[in-house]
């Protein structure tokens, strides 16, 4: 099974070669001096990658999954919000999927079985 990190790196390279700027999302938890945990980063469900096409400055979001990966409930919720606003996004299981999502301006690609339209 392919590791999601490898797929993510392949996607970043492929989209960059296709005239896009791509950002990887970093999240994590930090323990404060008094022992509490503090979550840093974007809201729950935010896709792994986001960026924009140079041709028209359209924003896109890519959730990276390996061949067996399924979106979590918070990721489906984020997908529904993006769909409501017709934002380009989808689940990419390969660099080819990501390029297709971005080039074709697909909204919700790969979410069909998880409460999505496509």
PDB file of N, CA and C in Angstrom:
ATOM      1  N   UNK A   1       0.841  -1.175   0.000  1.00  0.00           N
ATOM      2  CA  UNK A   1       0.000   0.000   0.000  1.00  0.00           C
ATOM      3  C   UNK A   1       0.894   1.249   0.000  1.00  0.00           C
ATOM      4  N   UNK A   2       0.506   2.222  -0.801  1.00  0.00           N
ATOM      5  CA  UNK A   2       1.275   3.454  -0.920  1.00  0.00           C
ATOM      6  C   UNK A   2       1.020   4.356   0.285  1.00  0.00           C
ATOM      7  N   UNK A   3       2.083   4.929   0.810  1.00  0.00           N
ATOM      8  CA  UNK A   3       1.951   5.843   1.941  1.00  0.00           C
ATOM      9  C   UNK A   3       1.383   7.178   1.466  1.00  0.00           C
ATOM     10  N   UNK A   4       0.496   7.767   2.249  1.00  0.00           N
ATOM     11  CA  UNK A   4      -0.105   9.041   1.879  1.00  0.00           C
ATOM     12  C   UNK A   4       0.939  10.138   1.725  1.00  0.00           C
ATOM     13  N   UNK A   5       2.000  10.080   2.511  1.00  0.00           N
ATOM     14  CA  UNK A   5       3.046  11.100   2.408  1.00  0.00           C
ATOM     15  C   UNK A   5       3.685  11.077   1.023  1.00  0.00           C
ATOM     16  N   UNK A   6       3.926   9.886   0.457  1.00  0.00           N
ATOM     17  CA  UNK A   6       4.501   9.786  -0.895  1.00  0.00           C
ATOM     18  C   UNK A   6       3.521  10.329  -1.925  1.00  0.00           C
ATOM     19  N   UNK A   7       2.246   9.968  -1.795  1.00  0.00           N
ATOM     20  CA  UNK A   7       1.225  10.472  -2.723  1.00  0.00           C
ATOM     21  C   UNK A   7       1.176  11.997  -2.640  1.00  0.00           C
ATOM     22  N   UNK A   8       1.196  12.519  -1.429  1.00  0.00           N
ATOM     23  CA  UNK A   8       1.155  13.965  -1.221  1.00  0.00           C
ATOM     24  C   UNK A   8       2.339  14.653  -1.894  1.00  0.00           C
ATOM     25  N   UNK A   9       3.521  14.111  -1.727  1.00  0.00           N
ATOM     26  CA  UNK A   9       4.707  14.698  -2.356  1.00  0.00           C
ATOM     27  C   UNK A   9       4.622  14.626  -3.879  1.00  0.00           C
ATOM     28  N   UNK A  10       4.135  13.502  -4.407  1.00  0.00           N
ATOM     29  CA  UNK A  10       3.958  13.362  -5.857  1.00  0.00           C
ATOM     30  C   UNK A  10       2.954  14.398  -6.376  1.00  0.00           C
ATOM     31  N   UNK A  11       1.899  14.613  -5.628  1.00  0.00           N
ATOM     32  CA  UNK A  11       0.884  15.600  -6.015  1.00  0.00           C
ATOM     33  C   UNK A  11       1.480  17.000  -6.030  1.00  0.00           C
ATOM     34  N   UNK A  12       2.244  17.340  -5.016  1.00  0.00           N
ATOM     35  CA  UNK A  12       2.846  18.680  -4.941  1.00  0.00           C
ATOM     36  C   UNK A  12       3.735  18.937  -6.151  1.00  0.00           C
ATOM     37  N   UNK A  13       4.515  17.946  -6.534  1.00  0.00           N
ATOM     38  CA  UNK A  13       5.387  18.085  -7.708  1.00  0.00           C
ATOM     39  C   UNK A  13       4.550  18.218  -8.977  1.00  0.00           C
ATOM     40  N   UNK A  14       3.557  17.334  -9.146  1.00  0.00           N
ATOM     41  CA  UNK A  14       2.738  17.335 -10.366  1.00  0.00           C
ATOM     42  C   UNK A  14       1.967  18.647 -10.525  1.00  0.00           C
ATOM     43  N   UNK A  15       1.361  19.145  -9.455  1.00  0.00           N
ATOM     44  CA  UNK A  15       0.610  20.393  -9.566  1.00  0.00           C
ATOM     45  C   UNK A  15       1.534  21.578  -9.829  1.00  0.00           C
ATOM     46  N   UNK A  16       2.708  21.559  -9.230  1.00  0.00           N
ATOM     47  CA  UNK A  16       3.680  22.625  -9.490  1.00  0.00           C
ATOM     48  C   UNK A  16       4.089  22.643 -10.956  1.00  0.00           C
ATOM     49  N   UNK A  17       4.241  21.459 -11.538  1.00  0.00           N
ATOM     50  CA  UNK A  17       4.586  21.361 -12.961  1.00  0.00           C
ATOM     51  C   UNK A  17       3.427  21.771 -13.863  1.00  0.00           C
ATOM     52  N   UNK A  18       2.221  21.823 -13.294  1.00  0.00           N
ATOM     53  CA  UNK A  18       1.033  22.212 -14.048  1.00  0.00           C
ATOM     54  C   UNK A  18       0.579  23.631 -13.686  1.00  0.00           C
ATOM     55  N   UNK A  19       1.548  24.487 -13.409  1.00  0.00           N
ATOM     56  CA  UNK A  19       1.290  25.910 -13.183  1.00  0.00           C
ATOM     57  C   UNK A  19       0.332  26.199 -12.031  1.00  0.00           C
ATOM     58  N   UNK A  20       0.630  25.581 -10.916  1.00  0.00           N
ATOM     59  CA  UNK A  20      -0.132  25.822  -9.688  1.00  0.00           C
ATOM     60  C   UNK A  20       0.838  26.091  -8.549  1.00  0.00           C
ATOM     61  N   UNK A  21       0.383  26.841  -7.585  1.00  0.00           N
ATOM     62  CA  UNK A  21       1.100  26.996  -6.324  1.00  0.00           C
ATOM     63  C   UNK A  21       0.357  26.132  -5.309  1.00  0.00           C
ATOM     64  N   UNK A  22       1.109  25.321  -4.570  1.00  0.00           N
ATOM     65  CA  UNK A  22       0.509  24.354  -3.645  1.00  0.00           C
ATOM     66  C   UNK A  22       1.130  24.512  -2.258  1.00  0.00           C
ATOM     67  N   UNK A  23       0.281  24.432  -1.252  1.00  0.00           N
ATOM     68  CA  UNK A  23       0.724  24.514   0.138  1.00  0.00           C
ATOM     69  C   UNK A  23       0.299  23.248   0.873  1.00  0.00           C
ATOM     70  N   UNK A  24       1.184  22.740   1.708  1.00  0.00           N
ATOM     71  CA  UNK A  24       0.879  21.590   2.555  1.00  0.00           C
ATOM     72  C   UNK A  24       0.436  22.118   3.913  1.00  0.00           C
ATOM     73  N   UNK A  25      -0.598  21.528   4.455  1.00  0.00           N
ATOM     74  CA  UNK A  25      -1.146  21.957   5.736  1.00  0.00           C
ATOM     75  C   UNK A  25      -0.456  21.201   6.866  1.00  0.00           C
ATOM     76  N   UNK A  26       0.005  21.932   7.854  1.00  0.00           N
ATOM     77  CA  UNK A  26       0.613  21.334   9.041  1.00  0.00           C
ATOM     78  C   UNK A  26      -0.320  21.526  10.229  1.00  0.00           C
ATOM     79  N   UNK A  27      -0.531  20.460  10.968  1.00  0.00           N
ATOM     80  CA  UNK A  27      -1.347  20.542  12.178  1.00  0.00           C
ATOM     81  C   UNK A  27      -0.647  19.769  13.286  1.00  0.00           C
ATOM     82  N   UNK A  28      -1.055  20.007  14.493  1.00  0.00           N
ATOM     83  CA  UNK A  28      -0.469  19.263  15.605  1.00  0.00           C
ATOM     84  C   UNK A  28      -0.982  19.771  16.929  1.00  0.00           C
ATOM     85  N   UNK A  29      -0.581  19.084  17.971  1.00  0.00           N
ATOM     86  CA  UNK A  29      -0.940  19.471  19.331  1.00  0.00           C
ATOM     87  C   UNK A  29       0.328  19.752  20.111  1.00  0.00           C
ATOM     88  N   UNK A  30       0.228  20.728  20.985  1.00  0.00           N
ATOM     89  CA  UNK A  30       1.355  21.132  21.813  1.00  0.00           C
ATOM     90  C   UNK A  30       0.891  21.109  23.257  1.00  0.00           C
ATOM     91  N   UNK A  31       1.737  20.601  24.124  1.00  0.00           N
ATOM     92  CA  UNK A  31       1.409  20.597  25.552  1.00  0.00           C
ATOM     93  C   UNK A  31       1.913  21.904  26.159  1.00  0.00           C
ATOM     94  N   UNK A  32       1.024  22.589  26.857  1.00  0.00           N
ATOM     95  CA  UNK A  32       1.401  23.845  27.518  1.00  0.00           C
ATOM     96  C   UNK A  32       2.150  23.524  28.815  1.00  0.00           C
ATOM     97  N   UNK A  33       2.854  24.497  29.368  1.00  0.00           N
ATOM     98  CA  UNK A  33       3.599  24.253  30.607  1.00  0.00           C
ATOM     99  C   UNK A  33       2.732  23.731  31.760  1.00  0.00           C
ATOM    100  N   UNK A  34       1.443  24.071  31.761  1.00  0.00           N
ATOM    101  CA  UNK A  34       0.578  23.595  32.845  1.00  0.00           C
ATOM    102  C   UNK A  34      -0.096  22.256  32.521  1.00  0.00           C
ATOM    103  N   UNK A  35       0.337  21.594  31.414  1.00  0.00           N
ATOM    104  CA  UNK A  35      -0.134  20.249  31.107  1.00  0.00           C
ATOM    105  C   UNK A  35      -1.327  20.147  30.177  1.00  0.00           C
ATOM    106  N   UNK A  36      -1.924  21.281  29.817  1.00  0.00           N
ATOM    107  CA  UNK A  36      -3.046  21.239  28.881  1.00  0.00           C
ATOM    108  C   UNK A  36      -2.519  21.065  27.456  1.00  0.00           C
ATOM    109  N   UNK A  37      -3.392  20.567  26.560  1.00  0.00           N
ATOM    110  CA  UNK A  37      -3.017  20.451  25.148  1.00  0.00           C
ATOM    111  C   UNK A  37      -3.643  21.583  24.361  1.00  0.00           C
ATOM    112  N   UNK A  38      -2.890  22.101  23.432  1.00  0.00           N
ATOM    113  CA  UNK A  38      -3.307  23.199  22.565  1.00  0.00           C
ATOM    114  C   UNK A  38      -3.177  22.709  21.125  1.00  0.00           C
ATOM    115  N   UNK A  39      -4.263  22.769  20.358  1.00  0.00           N
ATOM    116  CA  UNK A  39      -4.226  22.347  18.954  1.00  0.00           C
ATOM    117  C   UNK A  39      -3.832  23.528  18.081  1.00  0.00           C
ATOM    118  N   UNK A  40      -2.835  23.302  17.248  1.00  0.00           N
ATOM    119  CA  UNK A  40      -2.341  24.348  16.356  1.00  0.00           C
ATOM    120  C   UNK A  40      -2.654  23.982  14.912  1.00  0.00           C
ATOM    121  N   UNK A  41      -2.933  24.972  14.119  1.00  0.00           N
ATOM    122  CA  UNK A  41      -3.174  24.727  12.708  1.00  0.00           C
ATOM    123  C   UNK A  41      -4.582  25.076  12.291  1.00  0.00           C
ATOM    124  N   UNK A  42      -5.000  24.469  11.199  1.00  0.00           N
ATOM    125  CA  UNK A  42      -6.289  24.763  10.573  1.00  0.00           C
ATOM    126  C   UNK A  42      -7.425  24.018  11.284  1.00  0.00           C
ATOM    127  N   UNK A  43      -8.677  24.362  10.963  1.00  0.00           N
ATOM    128  CA  UNK A  43      -9.806  23.662  11.590  1.00  0.00           C
ATOM    129  C   UNK A  43      -9.841  22.187  11.210  1.00  0.00           C
ATOM    130  N   UNK A  44     -10.464  21.374  12.042  1.00  0.00           N
ATOM    131  CA  UNK A  44     -10.622  19.958  11.752  1.00  0.00           C
ATOM    132  C   UNK A  44     -11.303  19.745  10.411  1.00  0.00           C
ATOM    133  N   UNK A  45     -10.838  18.761   9.668  1.00  0.00           N
ATOM    134  CA  UNK A  45     -11.428  18.445   8.379  1.00  0.00           C
ATOM    135  C   UNK A  45     -10.800  19.169   7.213  1.00  0.00           C
ATOM    136  N   UNK A  46      -9.938  20.150   7.492  1.00  0.00           N
ATOM    137  CA  UNK A  46      -9.285  20.894   6.408  1.00  0.00           C
ATOM    138  C   UNK A  46      -8.445  19.934   5.571  1.00  0.00           C
ATOM    139  N   UNK A  47      -8.543  20.002   4.239  1.00  0.00           N
ATOM    140  CA  UNK A  47      -7.761  19.100   3.384  1.00  0.00           C
ATOM    141  C   UNK A  47      -6.250  19.260   3.564  1.00  0.00           C
ATOM    142  N   UNK A  48      -5.523  18.241   3.131  1.00  0.00           N
ATOM    143  CA  UNK A  48      -4.065  18.184   3.284  1.00  0.00           C
ATOM    144  C   UNK A  48      -3.328  19.239   2.484  1.00  0.00           C
ATOM    145  N   UNK A  49      -3.841  19.550   1.295  1.00  0.00           N
ATOM    146  CA  UNK A  49      -3.182  20.490   0.396  1.00  0.00           C
ATOM    147  C   UNK A  49      -4.182  21.535  -0.082  1.00  0.00           C
ATOM    148  N   UNK A  50      -3.681  22.716  -0.345  1.00  0.00           N
ATOM    149  CA  UNK A  50      -4.509  23.746  -0.971  1.00  0.00           C
ATOM    150  C   UNK A  50      -3.597  24.636  -1.795  1.00  0.00           C
ATOM    151  N   UNK A  51      -4.193  25.376  -2.694  1.00  0.00           N
ATOM    152  CA  UNK A  51      -3.388  26.249  -3.539  1.00  0.00           C
ATOM    153  C   UNK A  51      -4.249  26.969  -4.544  1.00  0.00           C
ATOM    154  N   UNK A  52      -3.596  27.425  -5.632  1.00  0.00           N
ATOM    155  CA  UNK A  52      -4.330  28.126  -6.673  1.00  0.00           C
ATOM    156  C   UNK A  52      -3.690  27.883  -8.029  1.00  0.00           C
ATOM    157  N   UNK A  53      -4.540  27.964  -9.061  1.00  0.00           N
ATOM    158  CA  UNK A  53      -4.074  27.838 -10.440  1.00  0.00           C
ATOM    159  C   UNK A  53      -3.564  29.198 -10.892  1.00  0.00           C
ATOM    160  N   UNK A  54      -2.435  29.215 -11.604  1.00  0.00           N
ATOM    161  CA  UNK A  54      -1.884  30.476 -12.085  1.00  0.00           C
ATOM    162  C   UNK A  54      -2.744  31.083 -13.197  1.00  0.00           C
ATOM    163  N   UNK A  55      -3.407  30.250 -13.973  1.00  0.00           N
ATOM    164  CA  UNK A  55      -4.149  30.734 -15.138  1.00  0.00           C
ATOM    165  C   UNK A  55      -5.301  31.666 -14.769  1.00  0.00           C
ATOM    166  N   UNK A  56      -5.974  31.387 -13.660  1.00  0.00           N
ATOM    167  CA  UNK A  56      -7.149  32.181 -13.299  1.00  0.00           C
ATOM    168  C   UNK A  56      -7.265  32.443 -11.795  1.00  0.00           C
ATOM    169  N   UNK A  57      -6.235  32.079 -11.055  1.00  0.00           N
ATOM    170  CA  UNK A  57      -6.185  32.288  -9.599  1.00  0.00           C
ATOM    171  C   UNK A  57      -7.284  31.566  -8.830  1.00  0.00           C
ATOM    172  N   UNK A  58      -7.851  30.514  -9.423  1.00  0.00           N
ATOM    173  CA  UNK A  58      -8.866  29.714  -8.739  1.00  0.00           C
ATOM    174  C   UNK A  58      -8.221  28.899  -7.621  1.00  0.00           C
ATOM    175  N   UNK A  59      -8.825  28.939  -6.459  1.00  0.00           N
ATOM    176  CA  UNK A  59      -8.344  28.199  -5.300  1.00  0.00           C
ATOM    177  C   UNK A  59      -8.825  26.753  -5.400  1.00  0.00           C
ATOM    178  N   UNK A  60      -8.018  25.831  -4.883  1.00  0.00           N
ATOM    179  CA  UNK A  60      -8.407  24.415  -4.830  1.00  0.00           C
ATOM    180  C   UNK A  60      -7.929  23.804  -3.521  1.00  0.00           C
ATOM    181  N   UNK A  61      -8.591  22.715  -3.146  1.00  0.00           N
ATOM    182  CA  UNK A  61      -8.244  21.949  -1.953  1.00  0.00           C
ATOM    183  C   UNK A  61      -8.179  20.476  -2.343  1.00  0.00           C
ATOM    184  N   UNK A  62      -7.158  19.778  -1.844  1.00  0.00           N
ATOM    185  CA  UNK A  62      -6.974  18.360  -2.151  1.00  0.00           C
ATOM    186  C   UNK A  62      -6.842  17.574  -0.851  1.00  0.00           C
ATOM    187  N   UNK A  63      -7.719  16.592  -0.662  1.00  0.00           N
ATOM    188  CA  UNK A  63      -7.598  15.649   0.457  1.00  0.00           C
ATOM    189  C   UNK A  63      -6.867  14.425  -0.087  1.00  0.00           C
ATOM    190  N   UNK A  64      -5.735  14.085   0.485  1.00  0.00           N
ATOM    191  CA  UNK A  64      -4.915  12.975   0.008  1.00  0.00           C
ATOM    192  C   UNK A  64      -5.263  11.705   0.776  1.00  0.00           C
ATOM    193  N   UNK A  65      -5.553  10.649   0.023  1.00  0.00           N
ATOM    194  CA  UNK A  65      -5.843   9.338   0.614  1.00  0.00           C
ATOM    195  C   UNK A  65      -5.131   8.267  -0.201  1.00  0.00           C
ATOM    196  N   UNK A  66      -4.720   7.195   0.475  1.00  0.00           N
ATOM    197  CA  UNK A  66      -4.174   6.064  -0.276  1.00  0.00           C
ATOM    198  C   UNK A  66      -5.350   5.262  -0.829  1.00  0.00           C
ATOM    199  N   UNK A  67      -5.059   4.136  -1.454  1.00  0.00           N
ATOM    200  CA  UNK A  67      -6.115   3.376  -2.142  1.00  0.00           C
ATOM    201  C   UNK A  67      -7.233   2.887  -1.220  1.00  0.00           C
ATOM    202  N   UNK A  68      -6.984   2.760   0.057  1.00  0.00           N
ATOM    203  CA  UNK A  68      -8.015   2.290   0.991  1.00  0.00           C
ATOM    204  C   UNK A  68      -8.525   3.364   1.940  1.00  0.00           C
ATOM    205  N   UNK A  69      -7.937   4.540   1.897  1.00  0.00           N
ATOM    206  CA  UNK A  69      -8.304   5.594   2.833  1.00  0.00           C
ATOM    207  C   UNK A  69      -9.706   6.134   2.626  1.00  0.00           C
ATOM    208  N   UNK A  70     -10.359   6.461   3.736  1.00  0.00           N
ATOM    209  CA  UNK A  70     -11.709   7.015   3.715  1.00  0.00           C
ATOM    210  C   UNK A  70     -11.696   8.340   4.469  1.00  0.00           C
ATOM    211  N   UNK A  71     -12.483   9.305   4.012  1.00  0.00           N
ATOM    212  CA  UNK A  71     -12.529  10.580   4.729  1.00  0.00           C
ATOM    213  C   UNK A  71     -13.225  10.439   6.081  1.00  0.00           C
ATOM    214  N   UNK A  72     -12.715  11.175   7.058  1.00  0.00           N
ATOM    215  CA  UNK A  72     -13.339  11.235   8.378  1.00  0.00           C
ATOM    216  C   UNK A  72     -14.603  12.097   8.304  1.00  0.00           C
ATOM    217  N   UNK A  73     -15.410  12.022   9.326  1.00  0.00           N
ATOM    218  CA  UNK A  73     -16.651  12.795   9.377  1.00  0.00           C
ATOM    219  C   UNK A  73     -16.386  14.301   9.234  1.00  0.00           C
ATOM    220  N   UNK A  74     -15.344  14.814   9.916  1.00  0.00           N
ATOM    221  CA  UNK A  74     -15.049  16.248   9.823  1.00  0.00           C
ATOM    222  C   UNK A  74     -14.567  16.627   8.417  1.00  0.00           C
ATOM    223  N   UNK A  75     -13.935  15.696   7.700  1.00  0.00           N
ATOM    224  CA  UNK A  75     -13.510  15.965   6.328  1.00  0.00           C
ATOM    225  C   UNK A  75     -14.713  16.009   5.385  1.00  0.00           C
ATOM    226  N   UNK A  76     -15.689  15.148   5.621  1.00  0.00           N
ATOM    227  CA  UNK A  76     -16.918  15.169   4.822  1.00  0.00           C
ATOM    228  C   UNK A  76     -17.665  16.481   5.081  1.00  0.00           C
ATOM    229  N   UNK A  77     -17.692  16.906   6.321  1.00  0.00           N
ATOM    230  CA  UNK A  77     -18.352  18.171   6.665  1.00  0.00           C
ATOM    231  C   UNK A  77     -17.667  19.341   5.951  1.00  0.00           C
ATOM    232  N   UNK A  78     -16.342  19.358   5.935  1.00  0.00           N
ATOM    233  CA  UNK A  78     -15.591  20.415   5.251  1.00  0.00           C
ATOM    234  C   UNK A  78     -15.890  20.362   3.749  1.00  0.00           C
ATOM    235  N   UNK A  79     -15.942  19.145   3.190  1.00  0.00           N
ATOM    236  CA  UNK A  79     -16.284  18.947   1.777  1.00  0.00           C
ATOM    237  C   UNK A  79     -17.649  19.559   1.465  1.00  0.00           C
ATOM    238  N   UNK A  80     -18.624  19.330   2.331  1.00  0.00           N
ATOM    239  CA  UNK A  80     -19.972  19.865   2.094  1.00  0.00           C
ATOM    240  C   UNK A  80     -19.960  21.388   2.083  1.00  0.00           C
ATOM    241  N   UNK A  81     -19.170  21.996   2.959  1.00  0.00           N
ATOM    242  CA  UNK A  81     -19.052  23.456   2.986  1.00  0.00           C
ATOM    243  C   UNK A  81     -18.416  23.952   1.681  1.00  0.00           C
ATOM    244  N   UNK A  82     -17.343  23.283   1.230  1.00  0.00           N
ATOM    245  CA  UNK A  82     -16.701  23.689  -0.021  1.00  0.00           C
ATOM    246  C   UNK A  82     -17.649  23.525  -1.207  1.00  0.00           C
ATOM    247  N   UNK A  83     -18.415  22.438  -1.203  1.00  0.00           N
ATOM    248  CA  UNK A  83     -19.376  22.188  -2.285  1.00  0.00           C
ATOM    249  C   UNK A  83     -20.427  23.287  -2.330  1.00  0.00           C
ATOM    250  N   UNK A  84     -20.910  23.679  -1.178  1.00  0.00           N
ATOM    251  CA  UNK A  84     -21.923  24.735  -1.092  1.00  0.00           C
ATOM    252  C   UNK A  84     -21.448  26.020  -1.767  1.00  0.00           C
ATOM    253  N   UNK A  85     -20.147  26.261  -1.742  1.00  0.00           N
ATOM    254  CA  UNK A  85     -19.570  27.469  -2.328  1.00  0.00           C
ATOM    255  C   UNK A  85     -18.909  27.217  -3.687  1.00  0.00           C
ATOM    256  N   UNK A  86     -19.130  26.019  -4.239  1.00  0.00           N
ATOM    257  CA  UNK A  86     -18.581  25.638  -5.562  1.00  0.00           C
ATOM    258  C   UNK A  86     -17.068  25.796  -5.654  1.00  0.00           C
ATOM    259  N   UNK A  87     -16.376  25.412  -4.582  1.00  0.00           N
ATOM    260  CA  UNK A  87     -14.913  25.486  -4.544  1.00  0.00           C
ATOM    261  C   UNK A  87     -14.334  24.189  -5.102  1.00  0.00           C
ATOM    262  N   UNK A  88     -13.321  24.307  -5.937  1.00  0.00           N
ATOM    263  CA  UNK A  88     -12.643  23.147  -6.513  1.00  0.00           C
ATOM    264  C   UNK A  88     -12.004  22.344  -5.380  1.00  0.00           C
ATOM    265  N   UNK A  89     -12.362  21.050  -5.308  1.00  0.00           N
ATOM    266  CA  UNK A  89     -11.772  20.191  -4.283  1.00  0.00           C
ATOM    267  C   UNK A  89     -12.107  18.736  -4.569  1.00  0.00           C
ATOM    268  N   UNK A  90     -11.372  17.846  -3.910  1.00  0.00           N
ATOM    269  CA  UNK A  90     -11.667  16.438  -4.047  1.00  0.00           C
ATOM    270  C   UNK A  90     -10.660  15.576  -3.317  1.00  0.00           C
ATOM    271  N   UNK A  91     -10.932  14.278  -3.366  1.00  0.00           N
ATOM    272  CA  UNK A  91     -10.013  13.284  -2.811  1.00  0.00           C
ATOM    273  C   UNK A  91      -9.108  12.818  -3.936  1.00  0.00           C
ATOM    274  N   UNK A  92      -7.820  12.899  -3.714  1.00  0.00           N
ATOM    275  CA  UNK A  92      -6.841  12.428  -4.694  1.00  0.00           C
ATOM    276  C   UNK A  92      -6.102  11.237  -4.108  1.00  0.00           C
ATOM    277  N   UNK A  93      -6.109  10.150  -4.866  1.00  0.00           N
ATOM    278  CA  UNK A  93      -5.383   8.946  -4.468  1.00  0.00           C
ATOM    279  C   UNK A  93      -4.106   8.788  -5.286  1.00  0.00           C
ATOM    280  N   UNK A  94      -3.872   9.784  -6.154  1.00  0.00           N
ATOM    281  CA  UNK A  94      -2.672   9.796  -6.992  1.00  0.00           C
ATOM    282  C   UNK A  94      -2.448  11.215  -7.490  1.00  0.00           C
ATOM    283  N   UNK A  95      -1.264  11.447  -8.037  1.00  0.00           N
ATOM    284  CA  UNK A  95      -0.974  12.748  -8.640  1.00  0.00           C
ATOM    285  C   UNK A  95      -1.906  12.992  -9.818  1.00  0.00           C
ATOM    286  N   UNK A  96      -2.229  11.938 -10.548  1.00  0.00           N
ATOM    287  CA  UNK A  96      -3.128  12.075 -11.700  1.00  0.00           C
ATOM    288  C   UNK A  96      -4.513  12.551 -11.265  1.00  0.00           C
ATOM    289  N   UNK A  97      -5.015  12.003 -10.154  1.00  0.00           N
ATOM    290  CA  UNK A  97      -6.302  12.461  -9.622  1.00  0.00           C
ATOM    291  C   UNK A  97      -6.255  13.952  -9.305  1.00  0.00           C
ATOM    292  N   UNK A  98      -5.201  14.382  -8.641  1.00  0.00           N
ATOM    293  CA  UNK A  98      -5.092  15.787  -8.239  1.00  0.00           C
ATOM    294  C   UNK A  98      -5.046  16.713  -9.444  1.00  0.00           C
ATOM    295  N   UNK A  99      -4.267  16.340 -10.449  1.00  0.00           N
ATOM    296  CA  UNK A  99      -4.180  17.167 -11.659  1.00  0.00           C
ATOM    297  C   UNK A  99      -5.547  17.238 -12.326  1.00  0.00           C
ATOM    298  N   UNK A 100      -6.256  16.127 -12.379  1.00  0.00           N
ATOM    299  CA  UNK A 100      -7.605  16.090 -12.973  1.00  0.00           C
ATOM    300  C   UNK A 100      -8.545  17.024 -12.205  1.00  0.00           C
ATOM    301  N   UNK A 101      -8.551  16.934 -10.881  1.00  0.00           N
ATOM    302  CA  UNK A 101      -9.415  17.774 -10.050  1.00  0.00           C
ATOM    303  C   UNK A 101      -9.165  19.250 -10.356  1.00  0.00           C
ATOM    304  N   UNK A 102      -7.895  19.629 -10.373  1.00  0.00           N
ATOM    305  CA  UNK A 102      -7.545  21.034 -10.535  1.00  0.00           C
ATOM    306  C   UNK A 102      -7.757  21.511 -11.968  1.00  0.00           C
ATOM    307  N   UNK A 103      -7.263  20.766 -12.939  1.00  0.00           N
ATOM    308  CA  UNK A 103      -7.388  21.193 -14.346  1.00  0.00           C
ATOM    309  C   UNK A 103      -8.840  21.280 -14.793  1.00  0.00           C
ATOM    310  N   UNK A 104      -9.656  20.306 -14.368  1.00  0.00           N
ATOM    311  CA  UNK A 104     -11.052  20.269 -14.793  1.00  0.00           C
ATOM    312  C   UNK A 104     -11.973  21.073 -13.873  1.00  0.00           C
ATOM    313  N   UNK A 105     -11.418  21.618 -12.800  1.00  0.00           N
ATOM    314  CA  UNK A 105     -12.223  22.419 -11.877  1.00  0.00           C
ATOM    315  C   UNK A 105     -13.326  21.636 -11.204  1.00  0.00           C
ATOM    316  N   UNK A 106     -13.017  20.408 -10.803  1.00  0.00           N
ATOM    317  CA  UNK A 106     -14.032  19.529 -10.219  1.00  0.00           C
ATOM    318  C   UNK A 106     -14.361  19.926  -8.781  1.00  0.00           C
ATOM    319  N   UNK A 107     -15.617  19.788  -8.435  1.00  0.00           N
ATOM    320  CA  UNK A 107     -16.089  20.117  -7.084  1.00  0.00           C
ATOM    321  C   UNK A 107     -16.584  18.827  -6.435  1.00  0.00           C
ATOM    322  N   UNK A 108     -15.834  18.346  -5.444  1.00  0.00           N
ATOM    323  CA  UNK A 108     -16.250  17.161  -4.691  1.00  0.00           C
ATOM    324  C   UNK A 108     -15.812  15.835  -5.271  1.00  0.00           C
ATOM    325  N   UNK A 109     -14.820  15.830  -6.138  1.00  0.00           N
ATOM    326  CA  UNK A 109     -14.343  14.596  -6.758  1.00  0.00           C
ATOM    327  C   UNK A 109     -13.955  13.579  -5.684  1.00  0.00           C
ATOM    328  N   UNK A 110     -14.480  12.356  -5.807  1.00  0.00           N
ATOM    329  CA  UNK A 110     -14.131  11.272  -4.892  1.00  0.00           C
ATOM    330  C   UNK A 110     -14.954  11.198  -3.628  1.00  0.00           C
ATOM    331  N   UNK A 111     -15.857  12.133  -3.408  1.00  0.00           N
ATOM    332  CA  UNK A 111     -16.665  12.138  -2.186  1.00  0.00           C
ATOM    333  C   UNK A 111     -18.029  11.465  -2.375  1.00  0.00           C
ATOM    334  N   UNK A 112     -18.309  10.971  -3.546  1.00  0.00           N
ATOM    335  CA  UNK A 112     -19.628  10.408  -3.862  1.00  0.00           C
ATOM    336  C   UNK A 112     -20.116   9.403  -2.813  1.00  0.00           C
ATOM    337  N   UNK A 113     -19.258   8.489  -2.409  1.00  0.00           N
ATOM    338  CA  UNK A 113     -19.651   7.445  -1.459  1.00  0.00           C
ATOM    339  C   UNK A 113     -19.664   7.912  -0.012  1.00  0.00           C
ATOM    340  N   UNK A 114     -19.356   9.181   0.195  1.00  0.00           N
ATOM    341  CA  UNK A 114     -19.229   9.711   1.562  1.00  0.00           C
ATOM    342  C   UNK A 114     -20.098  10.942   1.781  1.00  0.00           C
ATOM    343  N   UNK A 115     -21.228  10.999   1.110  1.00  0.00           N
ATOM    344  CA  UNK A 115     -22.120  12.129   1.290  1.00  0.00           C
ATOM    345  C   UNK A 115     -21.894  13.233   0.281  1.00  0.00           C
ATOM    346  N   UNK A 116     -21.153  12.935  -0.783  1.00  0.00           N
ATOM    347  CA  UNK A 116     -20.876  13.936  -1.802  1.00  0.00           C
ATOM    348  C   UNK A 116     -21.698  13.707  -3.050  1.00  0.00           C
ATOM    349  N   UNK A 117     -21.535  14.587  -4.032  1.00  0.00           N
ATOM    350  CA  UNK A 117     -22.311  14.520  -5.257  1.00  0.00           C
ATOM    351  C   UNK A 117     -21.594  13.791  -6.379  1.00  0.00           C
ATOM    352  N   UNK A 118     -20.251  13.775  -6.351  1.00  0.00           N
ATOM    353  CA  UNK A 118     -19.514  13.196  -7.486  1.00  0.00           C
ATOM    354  C   UNK A 118     -18.664  12.043  -7.053  1.00  0.00           C
TER     355      UNK A 118
END
